[in-house]
Amino acid sequence: MSPKPREIFIQGVTSDGRQFRPSDWAERLAGVMACFQPPGVKVGLGSHIRYSPYCVPRVINGVKCVIVNEALRDVEPKALDFVLSFARDNDLQVVDACLLPDEGYGSAR
């Protein structure tokens, strides 16, 4: 059994604590990556806008983030390099973490 791919959180905060602009940066970055889908998933004309499961925008504790699944490397290595370069070039904070499912964690928040 292979280990679960890790998740990389790109946070919308620079290394000196400033909020990254523009305010829709996470949706834009995830939108660029929307074409990278798991094998067998077709994205065609007329499809509703949706994000790749490998690169999704989220707000966590009030901070805009893009959660990047390392499995993106298996689909297109240059795509993973692109998002990590985006974070580095814009001095964004990057954290390796794991997003927990919502089920069963109700009262602990």
N, C-alpha and C. Protein backbone atom coordinates (compact mmCIF):
# COMPACT_ATOMS: atom_id res chain seq x y z
N MET A 1 0.84 -1.18 0.00
CA MET A 1 0.00 0.00 0.00
C MET A 1 0.89 1.25 0.00
N SER A 2 0.66 2.15 -0.93
CA SER A 2 1.46 3.36 -1.01
C SER A 2 0.95 4.40 -0.03
N PRO A 3 1.84 5.28 0.46
CA PRO A 3 1.40 6.32 1.39
C PRO A 3 0.48 7.31 0.71
N LYS A 4 -0.42 7.89 1.50
CA LYS A 4 -1.35 8.90 0.99
C LYS A 4 -0.57 10.14 0.56
N PRO A 5 -0.87 10.68 -0.61
CA PRO A 5 -0.18 11.92 -1.01
C PRO A 5 -0.45 13.01 0.01
N ARG A 6 0.55 13.81 0.25
CA ARG A 6 0.38 14.90 1.22
C ARG A 6 -0.33 16.08 0.57
N GLU A 7 -0.82 16.93 1.40
CA GLU A 7 -1.48 18.15 0.94
C GLU A 7 -0.60 19.34 1.32
N ILE A 8 -0.51 20.27 0.40
CA ILE A 8 0.29 21.46 0.60
C ILE A 8 -0.67 22.64 0.65
N PHE A 9 -0.65 23.39 1.74
CA PHE A 9 -1.52 24.55 1.90
C PHE A 9 -0.74 25.80 1.54
N ILE A 10 -1.18 26.48 0.49
CA ILE A 10 -0.62 27.78 0.15
C ILE A 10 -1.54 28.82 0.77
N GLN A 11 -1.02 29.55 1.73
CA GLN A 11 -1.83 30.51 2.47
C GLN A 11 -1.69 31.90 1.88
N GLY A 12 -2.77 32.64 1.89
CA GLY A 12 -2.80 33.99 1.34
C GLY A 12 -2.21 35.03 2.26
N VAL A 13 -1.09 34.68 2.86
CA VAL A 13 -0.38 35.56 3.77
C VAL A 13 1.10 35.49 3.39
N THR A 14 1.73 36.65 3.26
CA THR A 14 3.14 36.67 2.92
C THR A 14 3.99 36.33 4.14
N SER A 15 5.27 36.09 3.91
CA SER A 15 6.14 35.70 5.03
C SER A 15 6.23 36.78 6.11
N ASP A 16 5.95 38.05 5.76
CA ASP A 16 5.97 39.10 6.77
C ASP A 16 4.58 39.40 7.35
N GLY A 17 3.59 38.52 7.05
CA GLY A 17 2.27 38.61 7.67
C GLY A 17 1.24 39.46 6.94
N ARG A 18 1.59 40.00 5.77
CA ARG A 18 0.61 40.80 5.02
C ARG A 18 -0.34 39.91 4.23
N GLN A 19 -1.59 40.34 4.11
CA GLN A 19 -2.59 39.62 3.32
C GLN A 19 -2.25 39.79 1.84
N PHE A 20 -2.30 38.68 1.11
CA PHE A 20 -1.97 38.71 -0.31
C PHE A 20 -3.15 39.24 -1.11
N ARG A 21 -2.87 40.04 -2.12
CA ARG A 21 -3.87 40.61 -3.02
C ARG A 21 -3.58 40.19 -4.43
N PRO A 22 -4.55 40.08 -5.29
CA PRO A 22 -5.95 40.49 -5.14
C PRO A 22 -6.71 39.49 -4.27
N SER A 23 -7.87 39.91 -3.81
CA SER A 23 -8.63 39.11 -2.87
C SER A 23 -9.13 37.79 -3.46
N ASP A 24 -9.20 37.68 -4.78
CA ASP A 24 -9.67 36.43 -5.41
C ASP A 24 -8.51 35.59 -5.95
N TRP A 25 -7.31 35.78 -5.41
CA TRP A 25 -6.13 35.07 -5.91
C TRP A 25 -6.31 33.55 -5.85
N ALA A 26 -6.93 33.04 -4.78
CA ALA A 26 -7.06 31.59 -4.60
C ALA A 26 -7.98 30.99 -5.67
N GLU A 27 -9.08 31.67 -5.95
CA GLU A 27 -10.00 31.18 -6.98
C GLU A 27 -9.35 31.23 -8.36
N ARG A 28 -8.56 32.28 -8.59
CA ARG A 28 -7.86 32.40 -9.88
C ARG A 28 -6.84 31.29 -10.07
N LEU A 29 -6.03 31.05 -9.04
CA LEU A 29 -5.02 30.00 -9.13
C LEU A 29 -5.67 28.64 -9.31
N ALA A 30 -6.68 28.35 -8.51
CA ALA A 30 -7.38 27.06 -8.64
C ALA A 30 -8.07 26.95 -9.99
N GLY A 31 -8.59 28.05 -10.51
CA GLY A 31 -9.24 28.04 -11.82
C GLY A 31 -8.27 27.69 -12.93
N VAL A 32 -7.05 28.19 -12.85
CA VAL A 32 -6.03 27.86 -13.85
C VAL A 32 -5.72 26.37 -13.82
N MET A 33 -5.81 25.78 -12.66
CA MET A 33 -5.47 24.36 -12.51
C MET A 33 -6.66 23.42 -12.73
N ALA A 34 -7.83 23.97 -13.05
CA ALA A 34 -9.06 23.16 -13.16
C ALA A 34 -8.99 22.08 -14.22
N CYS A 35 -8.16 22.25 -15.22
CA CYS A 35 -8.09 21.25 -16.29
C CYS A 35 -7.40 19.96 -15.84
N PHE A 36 -6.72 19.97 -14.72
CA PHE A 36 -6.02 18.78 -14.24
C PHE A 36 -6.97 17.96 -13.39
N GLN A 37 -7.53 16.93 -14.00
CA GLN A 37 -8.53 16.07 -13.37
C GLN A 37 -7.99 14.65 -13.28
N PRO A 38 -8.57 13.84 -12.40
CA PRO A 38 -8.18 12.43 -12.32
C PRO A 38 -8.44 11.73 -13.66
N PRO A 39 -7.72 10.67 -13.93
CA PRO A 39 -7.94 9.93 -15.18
C PRO A 39 -9.41 9.53 -15.34
N GLY A 40 -9.93 9.71 -16.54
CA GLY A 40 -11.31 9.33 -16.84
C GLY A 40 -12.32 10.45 -16.68
N VAL A 41 -11.95 11.54 -16.02
CA VAL A 41 -12.87 12.66 -15.85
C VAL A 41 -12.74 13.55 -17.07
N LYS A 42 -13.85 13.79 -17.74
CA LYS A 42 -13.87 14.63 -18.94
C LYS A 42 -14.31 16.04 -18.58
N VAL A 43 -13.57 17.01 -19.07
CA VAL A 43 -13.94 18.41 -18.90
C VAL A 43 -14.11 18.95 -20.31
N GLY A 44 -15.34 19.23 -20.68
CA GLY A 44 -15.60 19.67 -22.04
C GLY A 44 -16.32 20.99 -22.10
N LEU A 45 -16.60 21.42 -23.31
CA LEU A 45 -17.35 22.65 -23.51
C LEU A 45 -18.73 22.53 -22.90
N GLY A 46 -19.20 23.60 -22.33
CA GLY A 46 -20.52 23.59 -21.72
C GLY A 46 -20.53 23.04 -20.31
N SER A 47 -19.38 22.56 -19.84
CA SER A 47 -19.32 22.06 -18.46
C SER A 47 -19.43 23.22 -17.49
N HIS A 48 -20.01 22.95 -16.34
CA HIS A 48 -20.05 23.97 -15.30
C HIS A 48 -18.64 24.16 -14.76
N ILE A 49 -18.36 25.34 -14.29
CA ILE A 49 -17.05 25.60 -13.74
C ILE A 49 -16.88 24.75 -12.49
N ARG A 50 -15.74 24.07 -12.45
CA ARG A 50 -15.41 23.31 -11.26
C ARG A 50 -13.90 23.28 -11.11
N TYR A 51 -13.45 23.04 -9.91
CA TYR A 51 -12.04 23.00 -9.63
C TYR A 51 -11.52 21.58 -9.74
N SER A 52 -10.23 21.47 -9.94
CA SER A 52 -9.58 20.18 -9.90
C SER A 52 -9.57 19.68 -8.46
N PRO A 53 -9.76 18.39 -8.25
CA PRO A 53 -9.65 17.88 -6.87
C PRO A 53 -8.22 17.98 -6.34
N TYR A 54 -7.26 18.26 -7.21
CA TYR A 54 -5.87 18.39 -6.81
C TYR A 54 -5.49 19.80 -6.37
N CYS A 55 -6.37 20.76 -6.60
CA CYS A 55 -6.03 22.16 -6.32
C CYS A 55 -7.32 22.94 -6.05
N VAL A 56 -7.66 23.12 -4.77
CA VAL A 56 -8.94 23.73 -4.44
C VAL A 56 -8.77 24.93 -3.51
N PRO A 57 -9.55 25.99 -3.75
CA PRO A 57 -9.50 27.14 -2.84
C PRO A 57 -10.34 26.87 -1.59
N ARG A 58 -9.89 27.36 -0.48
CA ARG A 58 -10.61 27.24 0.79
C ARG A 58 -10.30 28.46 1.65
N VAL A 59 -11.16 28.72 2.62
CA VAL A 59 -10.87 29.70 3.65
C VAL A 59 -10.73 28.90 4.94
N ILE A 60 -9.57 29.02 5.57
CA ILE A 60 -9.29 28.28 6.80
C ILE A 60 -8.89 29.28 7.87
N ASN A 61 -9.67 29.30 8.94
CA ASN A 61 -9.45 30.26 10.04
C ASN A 61 -9.35 31.69 9.51
N GLY A 62 -10.21 32.02 8.55
CA GLY A 62 -10.25 33.37 8.01
C GLY A 62 -9.17 33.71 7.00
N VAL A 63 -8.35 32.73 6.63
CA VAL A 63 -7.26 32.96 5.67
C VAL A 63 -7.56 32.21 4.38
N LYS A 64 -7.52 32.94 3.26
CA LYS A 64 -7.69 32.28 1.96
C LYS A 64 -6.49 31.39 1.72
N CYS A 65 -6.77 30.17 1.23
CA CYS A 65 -5.73 29.20 0.96
C CYS A 65 -6.04 28.48 -0.35
N VAL A 66 -5.04 27.85 -0.90
CA VAL A 66 -5.23 26.87 -1.96
C VAL A 66 -4.61 25.59 -1.44
N ILE A 67 -5.42 24.54 -1.44
CA ILE A 67 -4.93 23.24 -0.98
C ILE A 67 -4.54 22.44 -2.22
N VAL A 68 -3.28 22.08 -2.28
CA VAL A 68 -2.73 21.37 -3.43
C VAL A 68 -2.39 19.95 -3.00
N ASN A 69 -2.97 18.98 -3.68
CA ASN A 69 -2.68 17.58 -3.40
C ASN A 69 -1.45 17.18 -4.19
N GLU A 70 -0.48 16.60 -3.51
CA GLU A 70 0.76 16.21 -4.15
C GLU A 70 0.56 15.19 -5.28
N ALA A 71 -0.59 14.54 -5.31
CA ALA A 71 -0.90 13.60 -6.40
C ALA A 71 -0.96 14.32 -7.75
N LEU A 72 -1.06 15.64 -7.74
CA LEU A 72 -1.01 16.41 -8.98
C LEU A 72 0.27 16.10 -9.75
N ARG A 73 1.33 15.80 -9.04
CA ARG A 73 2.60 15.46 -9.68
C ARG A 73 2.45 14.26 -10.63
N ASP A 74 1.59 13.30 -10.26
CA ASP A 74 1.39 12.12 -11.10
C ASP A 74 0.62 12.46 -12.38
N VAL A 75 -0.22 13.48 -12.33
CA VAL A 75 -1.00 13.90 -13.49
C VAL A 75 -0.15 14.78 -14.40
N GLU A 76 0.53 15.77 -13.79
CA GLU A 76 1.38 16.69 -14.56
C GLU A 76 2.40 17.33 -13.62
N PRO A 77 3.63 16.85 -13.62
CA PRO A 77 4.65 17.39 -12.72
C PRO A 77 4.84 18.90 -12.85
N LYS A 78 4.74 19.43 -14.05
CA LYS A 78 4.93 20.87 -14.25
C LYS A 78 3.81 21.68 -13.60
N ALA A 79 2.63 21.10 -13.44
CA ALA A 79 1.52 21.80 -12.79
C ALA A 79 1.83 22.00 -11.31
N LEU A 80 2.35 20.97 -10.67
CA LEU A 80 2.73 21.11 -9.26
C LEU A 80 3.86 22.12 -9.13
N ASP A 81 4.83 22.06 -10.01
CA ASP A 81 5.92 23.04 -9.99
C ASP A 81 5.38 24.46 -10.16
N PHE A 82 4.38 24.62 -11.02
CA PHE A 82 3.79 25.94 -11.27
C PHE A 82 3.18 26.53 -10.00
N VAL A 83 2.35 25.76 -9.29
CA VAL A 83 1.69 26.31 -8.11
C VAL A 83 2.70 26.58 -6.99
N LEU A 84 3.71 25.73 -6.86
CA LEU A 84 4.72 25.96 -5.83
C LEU A 84 5.59 27.17 -6.18
N SER A 85 5.86 27.35 -7.46
CA SER A 85 6.61 28.54 -7.91
C SER A 85 5.79 29.80 -7.68
N PHE A 86 4.48 29.72 -7.92
CA PHE A 86 3.59 30.86 -7.65
C PHE A 86 3.71 31.28 -6.19
N ALA A 87 3.67 30.31 -5.30
CA ALA A 87 3.76 30.61 -3.87
C ALA A 87 5.12 31.22 -3.53
N ARG A 88 6.17 30.63 -4.05
CA ARG A 88 7.52 31.14 -3.78
C ARG A 88 7.71 32.55 -4.36
N ASP A 89 7.29 32.75 -5.61
CA ASP A 89 7.47 34.04 -6.27
C ASP A 89 6.70 35.17 -5.58
N ASN A 90 5.59 34.82 -4.93
CA ASN A 90 4.76 35.82 -4.25
C ASN A 90 4.98 35.84 -2.74
N ASP A 91 6.00 35.11 -2.28
CA ASP A 91 6.40 35.10 -0.88
C ASP A 91 5.26 34.65 0.04
N LEU A 92 4.47 33.67 -0.43
CA LEU A 92 3.34 33.17 0.36
C LEU A 92 3.79 32.07 1.31
N GLN A 93 3.10 31.98 2.43
CA GLN A 93 3.40 30.92 3.39
C GLN A 93 2.88 29.59 2.86
N VAL A 94 3.69 28.55 2.98
CA VAL A 94 3.34 27.22 2.51
C VAL A 94 3.50 26.25 3.68
N VAL A 95 2.47 25.42 3.89
CA VAL A 95 2.47 24.48 5.00
C VAL A 95 2.07 23.11 4.49
N ASP A 96 2.81 22.08 4.90
CA ASP A 96 2.39 20.71 4.63
C ASP A 96 1.41 20.33 5.73
N ALA A 97 0.25 19.83 5.33
CA ALA A 97 -0.78 19.50 6.31
C ALA A 97 -1.73 18.48 5.71
N CYS A 98 -2.79 18.20 6.44
CA CYS A 98 -3.82 17.29 5.96
C CYS A 98 -5.17 17.87 6.37
N LEU A 99 -6.05 18.04 5.40
CA LEU A 99 -7.39 18.55 5.67
C LEU A 99 -8.25 17.41 6.18
N LEU A 100 -8.81 17.58 7.37
CA LEU A 100 -9.66 16.55 7.95
C LEU A 100 -11.08 16.69 7.45
N PRO A 101 -11.78 15.57 7.27
CA PRO A 101 -13.18 15.65 6.85
C PRO A 101 -14.03 16.28 7.94
N ASP A 102 -15.16 16.89 7.53
CA ASP A 102 -16.07 17.54 8.48
C ASP A 102 -16.82 16.56 9.36
N GLU A 103 -17.12 15.37 8.87
CA GLU A 103 -17.94 14.42 9.61
C GLU A 103 -17.24 13.99 10.89
N GLY A 104 -18.00 14.00 11.98
CA GLY A 104 -17.50 13.49 13.25
C GLY A 104 -16.67 14.46 14.06
N TYR A 105 -16.53 15.68 13.61
CA TYR A 105 -15.72 16.63 14.35
C TYR A 105 -16.53 17.81 14.85
N GLY A 106 -17.87 17.68 14.84
CA GLY A 106 -18.81 18.75 15.10
C GLY A 106 -18.56 19.63 16.30
N SER A 107 -18.51 19.10 17.51
CA SER A 107 -18.45 19.94 18.69
C SER A 107 -17.04 20.39 19.04
N ALA A 108 -16.05 19.86 18.40
CA ALA A 108 -14.66 20.20 18.73
C ALA A 108 -14.19 21.49 18.10
N ARG A 109 -15.01 22.14 17.31
CA ARG A 109 -14.57 23.37 16.62
C ARG A 109 -14.69 24.57 17.46
